[in-house]
């Protein structure tokens, strides 16, 4: 057992145990990729959303809708900007149509508000799905990795008992026991960060959804007030 190294342990592993470790390594790499990609996405989206909301309020106060549309397009990483952009385009297009074809008293206003609401909801659903992309895989890894590690543990213990049946002491069963413990540790090492980051990312998504709802509601209020004013 003295001088037993990771390389020797890997060499002593059976094919099934090696496949288990490789599978857990793949899960680890996938979760790391998702974690870094989501961190960048949420960080960039949060920063651009803050900048866009400040610019949007200024444009709305001055009734510069085209400038607001351009601002939304320049903040393409912000889910809030994408949602409001859809509402802005629908509102400007609807207003131009009403001016061109005339109004049917209040009916046109209600139709326009409904169209803006539908545009906002469509993009909001799509952006929410985009924000949650990859989180399902992260949750699966968080829940499955300990069981995969446990499977590797069972395989390692079985190999240890097989060697023990042929006679010998700790030097004989040591590699199998070490293999079992490493599988358990590896499974937990993959699962714990995935579970923690999944919960964190889920909270970030909820914050984005709340912000999208708030800004969308404010924009609909603006549309209603503009309609009543005219």
Protein backbone atom coordinates (compact mmCIF):
# COMPACT_ATOMS: atom_id res chain seq x y z
CA UNK A 1 0.00 0.00 0.00
CA UNK A 2 3.00 2.26 0.58
CA UNK A 3 3.61 4.66 -2.29
CA UNK A 4 0.20 3.91 -3.80
CA UNK A 5 -0.47 6.65 -6.34
CA UNK A 6 -3.44 7.88 -8.36
CA UNK A 7 -1.91 6.39 -11.50
CA UNK A 8 -1.61 3.00 -9.85
CA UNK A 9 -5.18 3.26 -8.60
CA UNK A 10 -6.41 4.11 -12.11
CA UNK A 11 -4.46 1.15 -13.50
CA UNK A 12 -5.99 -1.19 -10.96
CA UNK A 13 -9.53 -0.05 -11.71
CA UNK A 14 -11.84 -2.21 -13.72
CA UNK A 15 -13.46 -1.09 -16.96
CA UNK A 16 -16.79 -0.28 -15.29
CA UNK A 17 -15.12 1.79 -12.56
CA UNK A 18 -13.10 3.71 -15.15
CA UNK A 19 -16.26 4.39 -17.17
CA UNK A 20 -17.93 5.74 -14.01
CA UNK A 21 -15.05 8.11 -13.30
CA UNK A 22 -14.96 9.31 -16.92
CA UNK A 23 -18.71 9.92 -16.83
CA UNK A 24 -18.38 11.97 -13.65
CA UNK A 25 -15.53 13.93 -15.21
CA UNK A 26 -17.77 14.71 -18.18
CA UNK A 27 -20.53 15.90 -15.83
CA UNK A 28 -18.01 18.07 -14.01
CA UNK A 29 -16.77 19.69 -17.23
CA UNK A 30 -20.34 20.28 -18.41
CA UNK A 31 -21.36 21.90 -15.12
CA UNK A 32 -18.24 24.10 -15.12
CA UNK A 33 -19.06 25.23 -18.67
CA UNK A 34 -22.66 26.04 -17.73
CA UNK A 35 -21.59 27.85 -14.56
CA UNK A 36 -19.11 30.14 -16.30
CA UNK A 37 -21.45 30.79 -19.25
CA UNK A 38 -24.36 31.66 -16.94
CA UNK A 39 -22.18 33.87 -14.73
CA UNK A 40 -21.09 35.90 -17.75
CA UNK A 41 -24.64 36.02 -19.15
CA UNK A 42 -26.23 37.19 -15.90
CA UNK A 43 -23.47 39.68 -15.11
CA UNK A 44 -23.60 41.26 -18.57
CA UNK A 45 -27.39 41.19 -18.63
CA UNK A 46 -27.67 42.83 -15.22
CA UNK A 47 -25.21 45.58 -16.11
CA UNK A 48 -26.85 46.37 -19.46
CA UNK A 49 -30.33 46.22 -17.94
CA UNK A 50 -29.42 48.86 -15.38
CA UNK A 51 -27.97 51.11 -18.10
CA UNK A 52 -30.99 50.58 -20.35
CA UNK A 53 -33.59 51.33 -17.67
CA UNK A 54 -31.91 54.65 -16.88
CA UNK A 55 -31.81 55.57 -20.57
CA UNK A 56 -35.40 54.39 -21.12
CA UNK A 57 -36.80 56.62 -18.40
CA UNK A 58 -35.08 59.62 -19.90
CA UNK A 59 -36.36 58.84 -23.40
CA UNK A 60 -39.90 58.21 -22.14
CA UNK A 61 -39.99 61.51 -20.28
CA UNK A 62 -38.99 63.30 -23.47
CA UNK A 63 -41.29 61.06 -25.58
CA UNK A 64 -38.37 60.08 -27.82
CA UNK A 65 -39.60 56.62 -28.75
CA UNK A 66 -37.20 56.10 -31.64
CA UNK A 67 -34.28 56.91 -29.37
CA UNK A 68 -35.66 54.41 -26.85
CA UNK A 69 -35.79 51.75 -29.58
CA UNK A 70 -32.18 52.47 -30.56
CA UNK A 71 -31.15 52.28 -26.92
CA UNK A 72 -32.85 48.88 -26.57
CA UNK A 73 -31.05 47.62 -29.68
CA UNK A 74 -27.70 48.80 -28.32
CA UNK A 75 -28.25 46.82 -25.11
CA UNK A 76 -28.71 43.46 -26.80
CA UNK A 77 -27.49 41.42 -23.82
CA UNK A 78 -30.22 42.79 -21.56
CA UNK A 79 -33.40 40.68 -21.32
CA UNK A 80 -35.29 43.77 -20.15
CA UNK A 81 -34.15 45.71 -23.22
CA UNK A 82 -35.30 42.89 -25.51
CA UNK A 83 -38.74 42.78 -23.88
CA UNK A 84 -39.26 46.54 -23.96
CA UNK A 85 -37.93 46.72 -27.51
CA UNK A 86 -40.76 44.44 -28.66
CA UNK A 87 -43.30 46.64 -26.86
CA UNK A 88 -41.81 49.85 -28.25
CA UNK A 89 -41.81 48.59 -31.83
CA UNK A 90 -45.40 47.38 -31.48
CA UNK A 91 -46.48 50.70 -29.98
CA UNK A 92 -44.77 52.86 -32.63
CA UNK A 93 -46.08 50.65 -35.43
CA UNK A 94 -49.58 50.73 -33.96
CA UNK A 95 -49.57 54.49 -33.54
CA UNK A 96 -48.47 54.96 -37.13
CA UNK A 97 -51.25 52.64 -38.30
CA UNK A 98 -53.83 54.52 -36.24
CA UNK A 99 -52.69 57.86 -37.65
CA UNK A 100 -52.80 56.50 -41.16
CA UNK A 101 -56.12 54.67 -40.99
CA UNK A 102 -57.84 56.71 -38.29
CA UNK A 103 -59.21 55.78 -34.88
CA UNK A 104 -62.40 54.07 -33.94
CA UNK A 105 -62.79 56.22 -30.82
CA UNK A 106 -61.62 54.18 -27.83
CA UNK A 107 -61.56 50.85 -29.64
CA UNK A 108 -58.28 51.66 -31.32
CA UNK A 109 -56.65 52.52 -27.98
CA UNK A 110 -57.70 49.24 -26.40
CA UNK A 111 -56.52 47.28 -29.43
CA UNK A 112 -53.16 49.01 -29.33
CA UNK A 113 -52.67 48.35 -25.61
CA UNK A 114 -53.62 44.71 -26.10
CA UNK A 115 -51.16 44.40 -28.98
CA UNK A 116 -48.39 45.92 -26.88
CA UNK A 117 -49.20 43.57 -24.00
CA UNK A 118 -49.06 40.53 -26.28
CA UNK A 119 -45.73 41.63 -27.73
CA UNK A 120 -44.29 42.11 -24.26
CA UNK A 121 -45.55 38.73 -23.03
CA UNK A 122 -44.20 36.84 -26.05
CA UNK A 123 -40.68 38.16 -25.66
CA UNK A 124 -40.84 37.91 -21.87
CA UNK A 125 -41.56 34.18 -22.08
CA UNK A 126 -38.76 33.65 -24.57
CA UNK A 127 -36.25 35.62 -22.50
CA UNK A 128 -37.22 33.78 -19.33
CA UNK A 129 -36.58 30.49 -21.12
CA UNK A 130 -33.21 31.82 -22.33
CA UNK A 131 -32.28 32.84 -18.79
CA UNK A 132 -33.05 29.32 -17.57
CA UNK A 133 -31.07 27.63 -20.33
CA UNK A 134 -28.60 25.13 -18.91
CA UNK A 135 -30.08 25.18 -15.41
CA UNK A 136 -32.00 21.96 -16.00
CA UNK A 137 -28.75 20.14 -16.81
CA UNK A 138 -27.11 21.67 -13.74
CA UNK A 139 -29.97 20.46 -11.53
CA UNK A 140 -29.73 16.97 -13.06
CA UNK A 141 -26.00 16.83 -12.34
CA UNK A 142 -26.52 18.07 -8.78
CA UNK A 143 -29.04 15.30 -8.07
CA UNK A 144 -27.43 12.48 -10.11
CA UNK A 145 -23.71 12.91 -9.37
CA UNK A 146 -23.87 11.53 -5.77
CA UNK A 147 -25.64 8.40 -7.04
CA UNK A 148 -23.10 7.96 -9.83
CA UNK A 149 -20.37 8.30 -7.19
CA UNK A 150 -22.20 5.77 -5.00
CA UNK A 151 -22.32 3.40 -7.96
CA UNK A 152 -18.56 3.75 -8.32
CA UNK A 153 -18.22 3.12 -4.59
CA UNK A 154 -20.18 -0.12 -4.84
CA UNK A 155 -18.09 -1.24 -7.81
CA UNK A 156 -14.88 -0.47 -5.90
CA UNK A 157 -16.00 -2.41 -2.83
CA UNK A 158 -17.00 -5.37 -4.98
CA UNK A 159 -13.55 -5.38 -6.58
CA UNK A 160 -11.95 -5.16 -3.12
CA UNK A 161 -13.91 -8.20 -1.87
CA UNK A 162 -13.05 -10.14 -5.00
CA UNK A 163 -9.37 -9.59 -4.31
CA UNK A 164 -9.85 -10.39 -0.62
CA UNK A 165 -11.44 -13.72 -1.48
CA UNK A 166 -8.16 -14.78 -3.02
CA UNK A 167 -6.33 -14.17 0.25
CA UNK A 168 -4.19 -11.30 1.44
CA UNK A 169 -4.52 -8.29 3.66
CA UNK A 170 -4.76 -4.55 3.36
CA UNK A 171 -2.22 -4.40 0.56
CA UNK A 172 -4.59 -6.45 -1.57
CA UNK A 173 -7.91 -4.75 -0.76
CA UNK A 174 -6.46 -1.25 -0.34
CA UNK A 175 -6.68 -0.21 -4.02
CA UNK A 176 -10.32 -1.30 -4.22
CA UNK A 177 -11.27 0.58 -1.06
CA UNK A 178 -9.38 3.66 -2.24
CA UNK A 179 -11.21 3.41 -5.56
CA UNK A 180 -14.52 3.31 -3.72
CA UNK A 181 -13.71 6.32 -1.54
CA UNK A 182 -12.43 8.36 -4.48
CA UNK A 183 -15.64 7.66 -6.40
CA UNK A 184 -17.71 8.88 -3.46
CA UNK A 185 -15.60 12.01 -3.05
CA UNK A 186 -15.65 12.72 -6.77
CA UNK A 187 -19.43 12.42 -6.90
CA UNK A 188 -19.84 14.88 -4.03
CA UNK A 189 -17.25 17.22 -5.53
CA UNK A 190 -19.30 17.37 -8.74
CA UNK A 191 -22.70 17.61 -7.05
CA UNK A 192 -22.11 20.23 -4.35
CA UNK A 193 -21.03 23.16 -6.59
CA UNK A 194 -23.74 22.26 -9.12
CA UNK A 195 -26.44 22.32 -6.43
CA UNK A 196 -25.23 25.57 -4.88
CA UNK A 197 -24.86 27.38 -8.21
CA UNK A 198 -28.23 26.05 -9.44
CA UNK A 199 -29.97 27.64 -6.45
CA UNK A 200 -28.02 30.86 -6.92
CA UNK A 201 -28.81 31.04 -10.63
CA UNK A 202 -32.48 30.31 -10.00
CA UNK A 203 -32.58 33.31 -7.69
CA UNK A 204 -30.91 35.48 -10.34
CA UNK A 205 -33.51 34.40 -12.90
CA UNK A 206 -36.31 35.33 -10.52
CA UNK A 207 -34.81 38.79 -10.08
CA UNK A 208 -34.67 39.22 -13.86
CA UNK A 209 -38.30 38.09 -14.20
CA UNK A 210 -39.42 40.57 -11.53
CA UNK A 211 -37.53 43.38 -13.26
CA UNK A 212 -39.00 42.46 -16.66
CA UNK A 213 -42.49 42.47 -15.18
CA UNK A 214 -41.95 45.83 -13.46
CA UNK A 215 -40.53 47.58 -16.51
CA UNK A 216 -43.18 46.06 -18.77
CA UNK A 217 -45.90 47.24 -16.42
CA UNK A 218 -44.43 50.74 -16.37
CA UNK A 219 -44.33 50.79 -20.15
CA UNK A 220 -47.97 49.68 -20.42
CA UNK A 221 -48.90 52.47 -17.99
CA UNK A 222 -47.08 54.90 -20.27
CA UNK A 223 -49.03 53.62 -23.28
CA UNK A 224 -52.33 53.98 -21.42
CA UNK A 225 -51.50 57.50 -20.24
CA UNK A 226 -50.44 58.55 -23.72
CA UNK A 227 -53.66 57.14 -25.12
CA UNK A 228 -55.82 58.99 -22.61
CA UNK A 229 -53.88 62.18 -23.22
CA UNK A 230 -54.65 62.00 -26.89
